[in-house]
Amino acid sequence: MSTVELSFSALPVHVRTARLIVTAVARRSGVAEPLLDEVRLAVGEACSRAVEAHRRHCPDEPVRLELSGADRRFEVTVSDTVPGDDTPGDLPTAVDADEFDYGLGEGTAELGLAVIAGLADDVEIAATPKGVQIRMSWPAEAEATI
């Protein structure tokens, strides 16, 4: 599958559109119907988190998504441009869903990350000086038709 890139203004109203696009691409990529709700919810949570961070720190910068599928996996990466040092909850530099600490702490950022980790088959979170990336993936039953 080719990579699909999407960027949108940091407005909550655009999160729904991003979820719809990601769900359509996931379906075309061979993600099983029962997993599509998990894809939609995880992507919505990651996009909402990015929108909120942008609205506080850099409202004119777009939120970016990258969708790809290979080796019977569908992968979504949600990226913001808020430096990792300024993110709520001091995000770890990399997290695997199996190793994610479910202690929710004080803020909702940790809750959102716990929700994402529970919905996606594989999750990696990277906080860098250029921003935060949340990479999520799910199994695809067949090779992509896009």
C-alpha atoms as a PDB file:
ATOM      1  CA  MET A   1       0.000   0.000   0.000  1.00  0.00           C
ATOM      2  CA  SER A   2       1.118   3.493  -0.677  1.00  0.00           C
ATOM      3  CA  THR A   3       1.438   5.877   2.207  1.00  0.00           C
ATOM      4  CA  VAL A   4      -1.486   8.233   2.727  1.00  0.00           C
ATOM      5  CA  GLU A   5      -0.641  11.527   4.408  1.00  0.00           C
ATOM      6  CA  LEU A   6      -3.196  13.822   5.978  1.00  0.00           C
ATOM      7  CA  SER A   7      -2.794  17.105   7.803  1.00  0.00           C
ATOM      8  CA  PHE A   8      -5.473  19.248   9.380  1.00  0.00           C
ATOM      9  CA  SER A   9      -5.852  22.448  11.373  1.00  0.00           C
ATOM     10  CA  ALA A  10      -5.743  21.990  15.127  1.00  0.00           C
ATOM     11  CA  LEU A  11      -9.499  22.274  15.582  1.00  0.00           C
ATOM     12  CA  PRO A  12     -11.597  19.646  17.394  1.00  0.00           C
ATOM     13  CA  VAL A  13     -14.123  19.552  14.545  1.00  0.00           C
ATOM     14  CA  HIS A  14     -11.467  18.045  12.234  1.00  0.00           C
ATOM     15  CA  VAL A  15     -10.867  15.034  14.502  1.00  0.00           C
ATOM     16  CA  ARG A  16     -14.100  13.421  13.309  1.00  0.00           C
ATOM     17  CA  THR A  17     -13.068  13.829   9.680  1.00  0.00           C
ATOM     18  CA  ALA A  18      -9.658  12.295  10.396  1.00  0.00           C
ATOM     19  CA  ARG A  19     -11.326   9.319  12.110  1.00  0.00           C
ATOM     20  CA  LEU A  20     -13.609   8.748   9.116  1.00  0.00           C
ATOM     21  CA  ILE A  21     -10.717   8.879   6.652  1.00  0.00           C
ATOM     22  CA  VAL A  22      -8.556   6.545   8.731  1.00  0.00           C
ATOM     23  CA  THR A  23     -11.416   4.064   9.103  1.00  0.00           C
ATOM     24  CA  ALA A  24     -12.029   4.019   5.347  1.00  0.00           C
ATOM     25  CA  VAL A  25      -8.335   3.475   4.625  1.00  0.00           C
ATOM     26  CA  ALA A  26      -8.129   0.753   7.311  1.00  0.00           C
ATOM     27  CA  ARG A  27     -11.066  -1.061   5.725  1.00  0.00           C
ATOM     28  CA  ARG A  28      -9.409  -0.877   2.284  1.00  0.00           C
ATOM     29  CA  SER A  29      -6.154  -2.078   3.858  1.00  0.00           C
ATOM     30  CA  GLY A  30      -7.752  -5.315   5.037  1.00  0.00           C
ATOM     31  CA  VAL A  31      -8.336  -4.561   8.728  1.00  0.00           C
ATOM     32  CA  ALA A  32     -11.097  -6.853  10.014  1.00  0.00           C
ATOM     33  CA  GLU A  33     -14.510  -5.247  10.535  1.00  0.00           C
ATOM     34  CA  PRO A  34     -14.542  -5.927  14.324  1.00  0.00           C
ATOM     35  CA  LEU A  35     -11.251  -3.988  14.705  1.00  0.00           C
ATOM     36  CA  LEU A  36     -12.433  -0.882  12.859  1.00  0.00           C
ATOM     37  CA  ASP A  37     -14.085   0.578  15.981  1.00  0.00           C
ATOM     38  CA  GLU A  38     -10.799   0.175  17.853  1.00  0.00           C
ATOM     39  CA  VAL A  39      -8.926   1.915  15.020  1.00  0.00           C
ATOM     40  CA  ARG A  40     -11.467   4.750  14.975  1.00  0.00           C
ATOM     41  CA  LEU A  41     -11.374   5.256  18.757  1.00  0.00           C
ATOM     42  CA  ALA A  42      -7.579   5.063  19.090  1.00  0.00           C
ATOM     43  CA  VAL A  43      -7.010   7.477  16.213  1.00  0.00           C
ATOM     44  CA  GLY A  44      -9.662   9.832  17.596  1.00  0.00           C
ATOM     45  CA  GLU A  45      -7.949   9.812  20.984  1.00  0.00           C
ATOM     46  CA  ALA A  46      -4.495  10.430  19.486  1.00  0.00           C
ATOM     47  CA  CYS A  47      -5.806  13.226  17.257  1.00  0.00           C
ATOM     48  CA  SER A  48      -7.718  14.860  20.135  1.00  0.00           C
ATOM     49  CA  ARG A  49      -4.569  14.779  22.245  1.00  0.00           C
ATOM     50  CA  ALA A  50      -2.551  16.379  19.428  1.00  0.00           C
ATOM     51  CA  VAL A  51      -5.220  19.031  18.777  1.00  0.00           C
ATOM     52  CA  GLU A  52      -5.302  19.988  22.454  1.00  0.00           C
ATOM     53  CA  ALA A  53      -1.495  20.240  22.588  1.00  0.00           C
ATOM     54  CA  HIS A  54      -1.455  22.388  19.431  1.00  0.00           C
ATOM     55  CA  ARG A  55      -4.190  24.677  20.679  1.00  0.00           C
ATOM     56  CA  ARG A  56      -2.103  25.409  23.790  1.00  0.00           C
ATOM     57  CA  HIS A  57       1.347  25.668  22.207  1.00  0.00           C
ATOM     58  CA  CYS A  58       1.195  26.199  18.427  1.00  0.00           C
ATOM     59  CA  PRO A  59      -2.370  26.727  17.141  1.00  0.00           C
ATOM     60  CA  ASP A  60      -1.275  27.623  13.603  1.00  0.00           C
ATOM     61  CA  GLU A  61       0.601  24.347  13.031  1.00  0.00           C
ATOM     62  CA  PRO A  62      -1.301  21.389  11.520  1.00  0.00           C
ATOM     63  CA  VAL A  63      -1.662  17.944  13.073  1.00  0.00           C
ATOM     64  CA  ARG A  64      -0.230  15.291  10.731  1.00  0.00           C
ATOM     65  CA  LEU A  65      -1.251  11.699  10.111  1.00  0.00           C
ATOM     66  CA  GLU A  66       0.519   9.059   8.086  1.00  0.00           C
ATOM     67  CA  LEU A  67      -1.322   5.857   7.122  1.00  0.00           C
ATOM     68  CA  SER A  68       0.430   2.854   5.641  1.00  0.00           C
ATOM     69  CA  GLY A  69       0.068  -0.863   5.299  1.00  0.00           C
ATOM     70  CA  ALA A  70       2.656  -3.538   4.691  1.00  0.00           C
ATOM     71  CA  ASP A  71       3.290  -7.128   5.756  1.00  0.00           C
ATOM     72  CA  ARG A  72      -0.362  -7.561   6.758  1.00  0.00           C
ATOM     73  CA  ARG A  73      -0.236  -4.609   9.198  1.00  0.00           C
ATOM     74  CA  PHE A  74      -2.089  -1.285   9.063  1.00  0.00           C
ATOM     75  CA  GLU A  75      -0.148   1.524  10.694  1.00  0.00           C
ATOM     76  CA  VAL A  76      -1.209   5.042  11.701  1.00  0.00           C
ATOM     77  CA  THR A  77       1.208   7.690  12.954  1.00  0.00           C
ATOM     78  CA  VAL A  78      -0.215  10.852  14.520  1.00  0.00           C
ATOM     79  CA  SER A  79       2.359  13.629  14.845  1.00  0.00           C
ATOM     80  CA  ASP A  80       2.236  16.992  16.519  1.00  0.00           C
ATOM     81  CA  THR A  81       4.839  19.746  16.575  1.00  0.00           C
ATOM     82  CA  VAL A  82       4.775  20.412  20.306  1.00  0.00           C
ATOM     83  CA  PRO A  83       8.269  19.706  21.660  1.00  0.00           C
ATOM     84  CA  GLY A  84       8.439  16.619  23.860  1.00  0.00           C
ATOM     85  CA  ASP A  85       9.717  18.642  26.813  1.00  0.00           C
ATOM     86  CA  ASP A  86       6.450  20.627  26.915  1.00  0.00           C
ATOM     87  CA  THR A  87       4.055  17.685  26.774  1.00  0.00           C
ATOM     88  CA  PRO A  88       1.797  16.900  29.704  1.00  0.00           C
ATOM     89  CA  GLY A  89       2.831  14.011  31.897  1.00  0.00           C
ATOM     90  CA  ASP A  90       6.428  13.902  30.652  1.00  0.00           C
ATOM     91  CA  LEU A  91       5.803  11.305  27.959  1.00  0.00           C
ATOM     92  CA  PRO A  92       8.333   8.507  27.725  1.00  0.00           C
ATOM     93  CA  THR A  93      10.614   8.459  24.700  1.00  0.00           C
ATOM     94  CA  ALA A  94       9.289   5.084  23.551  1.00  0.00           C
ATOM     95  CA  VAL A  95       6.537   2.851  24.835  1.00  0.00           C
ATOM     96  CA  ASP A  96       5.409  -0.602  23.768  1.00  0.00           C
ATOM     97  CA  ALA A  97       1.736  -1.373  24.477  1.00  0.00           C
ATOM     98  CA  ASP A  98       2.734  -4.434  26.516  1.00  0.00           C
ATOM     99  CA  GLU A  99       5.079  -2.350  28.694  1.00  0.00           C
ATOM    100  CA  PHE A 100       2.838   0.715  29.072  1.00  0.00           C
ATOM    101  CA  ASP A 101       2.454   1.886  32.652  1.00  0.00           C
ATOM    102  CA  TYR A 102      -1.263   2.046  33.383  1.00  0.00           C
ATOM    103  CA  GLY A 103      -0.817   4.253  36.447  1.00  0.00           C
ATOM    104  CA  LEU A 104      -2.915   7.167  35.202  1.00  0.00           C
ATOM    105  CA  GLY A 105      -1.352   9.943  37.240  1.00  0.00           C
ATOM    106  CA  GLU A 106      -3.005  13.322  37.617  1.00  0.00           C
ATOM    107  CA  GLY A 107      -3.779  14.403  34.046  1.00  0.00           C
ATOM    108  CA  THR A 108      -5.963  13.211  31.244  1.00  0.00           C
ATOM    109  CA  ALA A 109      -2.970  12.904  28.896  1.00  0.00           C
ATOM    110  CA  GLU A 110      -2.009   9.698  30.672  1.00  0.00           C
ATOM    111  CA  LEU A 111      -5.594   8.449  30.479  1.00  0.00           C
ATOM    112  CA  GLY A 112      -5.705   9.105  26.733  1.00  0.00           C
ATOM    113  CA  LEU A 113      -2.431   7.241  26.229  1.00  0.00           C
ATOM    114  CA  ALA A 114      -3.756   4.312  28.293  1.00  0.00           C
ATOM    115  CA  VAL A 115      -6.882   4.205  26.111  1.00  0.00           C
ATOM    116  CA  ILE A 116      -4.750   4.194  22.961  1.00  0.00           C
ATOM    117  CA  ALA A 117      -2.515   1.429  24.336  1.00  0.00           C
ATOM    118  CA  GLY A 118      -5.596  -0.644  25.133  1.00  0.00           C
ATOM    119  CA  LEU A 119      -7.134  -0.234  21.677  1.00  0.00           C
ATOM    120  CA  ALA A 120      -4.153  -0.619  19.349  1.00  0.00           C
ATOM    121  CA  ASP A 121      -2.403  -3.911  18.759  1.00  0.00           C
ATOM    122  CA  ASP A 122       1.012  -2.229  18.900  1.00  0.00           C
ATOM    123  CA  VAL A 123       1.829   1.286  20.135  1.00  0.00           C
ATOM    124  CA  GLU A 124       5.016   3.342  20.171  1.00  0.00           C
ATOM    125  CA  ILE A 125       5.161   6.868  21.553  1.00  0.00           C
ATOM    126  CA  ALA A 126       8.148   9.068  20.834  1.00  0.00           C
ATOM    127  CA  ALA A 127       8.615  12.524  22.358  1.00  0.00           C
ATOM    128  CA  THR A 128      11.338  14.495  20.613  1.00  0.00           C
ATOM    129  CA  PRO A 129      12.382  18.147  20.456  1.00  0.00           C
ATOM    130  CA  LYS A 130      10.381  18.363  17.182  1.00  0.00           C
ATOM    131  CA  GLY A 131       7.159  16.961  18.639  1.00  0.00           C
ATOM    132  CA  VAL A 132       5.339  13.836  19.747  1.00  0.00           C
ATOM    133  CA  GLN A 133       4.567  10.890  17.491  1.00  0.00           C
ATOM    134  CA  ILE A 134       2.107   8.173  18.376  1.00  0.00           C
ATOM    135  CA  ARG A 135       2.452   5.143  16.103  1.00  0.00           C
ATOM    136  CA  MET A 136      -0.324   2.561  16.283  1.00  0.00           C
ATOM    137  CA  SER A 137      -0.817  -0.587  14.258  1.00  0.00           C
ATOM    138  CA  TRP A 138      -3.332  -3.379  13.788  1.00  0.00           C
ATOM    139  CA  PRO A 139      -3.304  -6.670  11.870  1.00  0.00           C
ATOM    140  CA  ALA A 140      -4.707  -6.675   8.345  1.00  0.00           C
ATOM    141  CA  GLU A 141      -6.322  -9.846   7.006  1.00  0.00           C
ATOM    142  CA  ALA A 142      -5.281  -9.238   3.416  1.00  0.00           C
ATOM    143  CA  GLU A 143      -2.872  -7.104   1.465  1.00  0.00           C
ATOM    144  CA  ALA A 144      -4.015  -3.536   0.862  1.00  0.00           C
ATOM    145  CA  THR A 145      -6.159  -2.731  -2.180  1.00  0.00           C
ATOM    146  CA  ILE A 146      -5.142   0.927  -2.309  1.00  0.00           C
END
